[in-house]
Amino acid sequence: MAFRNCVNCWFRRKYDDNPGSLIGRVWKWHTNWCPGWKSYLSSLPENEKSLMLEKYCSGK
């Protein structure tokens, strides 16, 4: 799978554990411009994409 890093991203797990941590905030910032993350989101089925956008992209 081409997006294995996005699925199992260490930074993403840190964000999930504590979104306000420095690592979590860096990951959130990085999703604004990361071409891999954007490609990963666009590769998801619409229902999964909606869930991801709600969880990770609200408040952008």
Protein backbone atom coordinates (compact mmCIF):
# COMPACT_ATOMS: atom_id res chain seq x y z
CA MET A 1 0.00 0.00 0.00
CA ALA A 2 1.42 3.34 -1.04
CA PHE A 3 -0.02 5.18 1.96
CA ARG A 4 1.20 2.83 4.68
CA ASN A 5 3.05 5.71 6.34
CA CYS A 6 -0.13 7.76 6.68
CA VAL A 7 -2.07 4.83 8.06
CA ASN A 8 0.57 3.94 10.65
CA CYS A 9 2.14 7.36 11.15
CA TRP A 10 3.89 7.76 14.49
CA PHE A 11 3.09 11.50 14.50
CA ARG A 12 -0.58 10.79 13.84
CA ARG A 13 -0.70 8.38 16.80
CA LYS A 14 0.84 11.09 18.98
CA TYR A 15 -1.86 13.49 17.80
CA ASP A 16 -4.54 10.91 18.63
CA ASP A 17 -3.06 10.43 22.11
CA ASN A 18 -2.66 14.14 22.85
CA PRO A 19 -3.67 16.67 20.19
CA GLY A 20 -2.29 19.56 22.23
CA SER A 21 1.21 18.14 22.52
CA LEU A 22 4.03 19.68 20.52
CA ILE A 23 4.32 16.60 18.29
CA GLY A 24 0.54 16.52 17.84
CA ARG A 25 0.45 20.17 16.80
CA VAL A 26 3.34 19.65 14.38
CA TRP A 27 1.48 16.75 12.78
CA LYS A 28 -1.70 18.83 12.47
CA TRP A 29 0.26 21.69 10.89
CA HIS A 30 1.97 19.27 8.51
CA THR A 31 -1.38 17.96 7.20
CA ASN A 32 -2.10 21.40 5.73
CA TRP A 33 0.58 21.01 3.06
CA CYS A 34 1.64 17.33 2.97
CA PRO A 35 1.02 15.89 -0.51
CA GLY A 36 1.07 12.34 0.90
CA TRP A 37 -1.71 13.11 3.39
CA LYS A 38 -3.79 14.83 0.71
CA SER A 39 -3.34 11.86 -1.64
CA TYR A 40 -4.20 9.48 1.17
CA LEU A 41 -7.44 11.35 1.89
CA SER A 42 -8.40 11.45 -1.77
CA SER A 43 -7.82 7.68 -2.07
CA LEU A 44 -10.33 6.86 0.67
CA PRO A 45 -13.95 5.94 0.00
CA GLU A 46 -16.28 8.90 0.57
CA ASN A 47 -17.63 7.66 3.93
CA GLU A 48 -14.13 7.07 5.36
CA LYS A 49 -12.91 10.35 3.92
CA SER A 50 -15.75 12.19 5.68
CA LEU A 51 -14.83 10.58 8.99
CA MET A 52 -11.15 11.50 8.58
CA LEU A 53 -11.96 15.07 7.64
CA GLU A 54 -14.25 15.39 10.64
CA LYS A 55 -11.67 13.94 13.01
CA TYR A 56 -8.50 15.58 11.71
CA CYS A 57 -9.42 18.58 9.60
CA SER A 58 -12.12 20.35 11.57
CA GLY A 59 -11.07 23.84 12.49
CA LYS A 60 -8.63 24.30 9.61
